[in-house]
Amino acid sequence: MEENQIDYADIKALGFKTSVESDSVYENTYGFPYKIISLKLRKNVIADWDQLTRQVVIQKCKDNGTILETYNVPSLENLRSLVAIFKK
């Protein structure tokens, strides 16, 4: 396993929520439904977990959804630290 791959059980334990979206092309390609798995850290700061790559990306956005900054989380330990900081 690559260092920046984070398991589903670990992100769920950190409070990430899952929503299943309808996308038949994705489901036919990968064999499972498309899911958005994310954690809102602040008003405009969201952590997203990709179910294919098992990597977490944190994005800071404007109110209109424009992405201002993106941070690729390098490890589970780093993710745990960041979540703890944002929960303060």
Protein backbone atom coordinates (compact mmCIF):
# COMPACT_ATOMS: atom_id res chain seq x y z
CA MET A 1 0.00 0.00 0.00
CA GLU A 2 1.28 3.43 -0.91
CA GLU A 3 1.91 5.83 1.97
CA ASN A 4 -0.84 8.26 0.98
CA GLN A 5 -3.53 5.59 0.58
CA ILE A 6 -6.00 5.78 3.45
CA ASP A 7 -8.48 3.01 4.24
CA TYR A 8 -12.24 3.52 4.23
CA ALA A 9 -12.56 2.41 7.88
CA ASP A 10 -10.08 5.09 8.93
CA ILE A 11 -11.86 7.97 7.23
CA LYS A 12 -15.23 6.82 8.55
CA ALA A 13 -13.74 6.79 12.07
CA LEU A 14 -12.71 10.43 11.51
CA GLY A 15 -16.30 11.41 10.70
CA PHE A 16 -16.37 11.39 6.89
CA LYS A 17 -19.89 11.10 5.46
CA THR A 18 -20.95 9.21 2.36
CA SER A 19 -23.51 10.15 -0.25
CA VAL A 20 -24.25 7.87 -3.19
CA GLU A 21 -24.80 9.58 -6.52
CA SER A 22 -26.54 8.14 -9.56
CA ASP A 23 -23.97 7.63 -12.33
CA SER A 24 -24.55 4.54 -14.44
CA VAL A 25 -21.43 5.15 -16.57
CA TYR A 26 -19.21 5.16 -13.47
CA GLU A 27 -20.95 2.10 -12.05
CA ASN A 28 -20.65 0.19 -15.34
CA THR A 29 -16.96 1.12 -15.56
CA TYR A 30 -15.89 0.33 -12.00
CA GLY A 31 -18.56 -2.12 -10.81
CA PHE A 32 -19.80 -0.09 -7.86
CA PRO A 33 -21.84 3.11 -7.42
CA TYR A 34 -20.25 6.54 -7.45
CA LYS A 35 -19.92 7.92 -3.92
CA ILE A 36 -18.89 11.28 -2.56
CA ILE A 37 -17.10 10.69 0.73
CA SER A 38 -16.19 13.91 2.49
CA LEU A 39 -15.75 15.79 5.74
CA LYS A 40 -16.59 19.46 6.17
CA LEU A 41 -13.71 20.95 8.17
CA ARG A 42 -14.83 24.60 8.01
CA LYS A 43 -17.41 26.60 6.06
CA ASN A 44 -15.38 26.55 2.83
CA VAL A 45 -12.86 23.79 3.62
CA ILE A 46 -13.74 20.22 2.64
CA ALA A 47 -11.74 16.99 2.79
CA ASP A 48 -12.65 14.48 0.06
CA TRP A 49 -11.65 10.81 -0.03
CA ASP A 50 -11.41 9.14 -3.45
CA GLN A 51 -12.64 5.54 -3.33
CA LEU A 52 -10.45 4.49 -6.28
CA THR A 53 -7.11 5.98 -5.23
CA ARG A 54 -7.85 5.96 -1.45
CA GLN A 55 -6.30 9.42 -1.22
CA VAL A 56 -7.60 12.48 0.62
CA VAL A 57 -7.56 15.98 -0.83
CA ILE A 58 -8.44 19.07 1.18
CA GLN A 59 -9.85 22.00 -0.77
CA LYS A 60 -10.52 25.58 0.25
CA CYS A 61 -13.23 27.20 -1.85
CA LYS A 62 -15.01 30.50 -2.29
CA ASP A 63 -18.73 30.68 -1.49
CA ASN A 64 -19.46 30.20 -5.21
CA GLY A 65 -17.49 26.91 -5.28
CA THR A 66 -14.34 28.23 -6.96
CA ILE A 67 -11.37 26.26 -5.62
CA LEU A 68 -8.74 28.54 -4.07
CA GLU A 69 -6.29 25.96 -2.68
CA THR A 70 -5.80 22.20 -2.81
CA TYR A 71 -3.74 20.07 -0.44
CA ASN A 72 -2.99 16.38 -1.02
CA VAL A 73 -2.87 14.70 2.38
CA PRO A 74 0.26 12.53 2.51
CA SER A 75 -0.72 10.02 5.22
CA LEU A 76 -3.34 8.90 7.71
CA GLU A 77 -1.32 10.40 10.56
CA ASN A 78 -1.26 13.76 8.80
CA LEU A 79 -5.01 13.56 8.16
CA ARG A 80 -5.69 12.80 11.82
CA SER A 81 -3.62 15.83 12.84
CA LEU A 82 -5.40 18.13 10.40
CA VAL A 83 -8.85 16.97 11.48
CA ALA A 84 -7.89 17.56 15.13
CA ILE A 85 -6.69 21.09 14.32
CA PHE A 86 -9.88 21.97 12.43
CA LYS A 87 -12.10 20.55 15.21
CA LYS A 88 -10.63 23.01 17.75
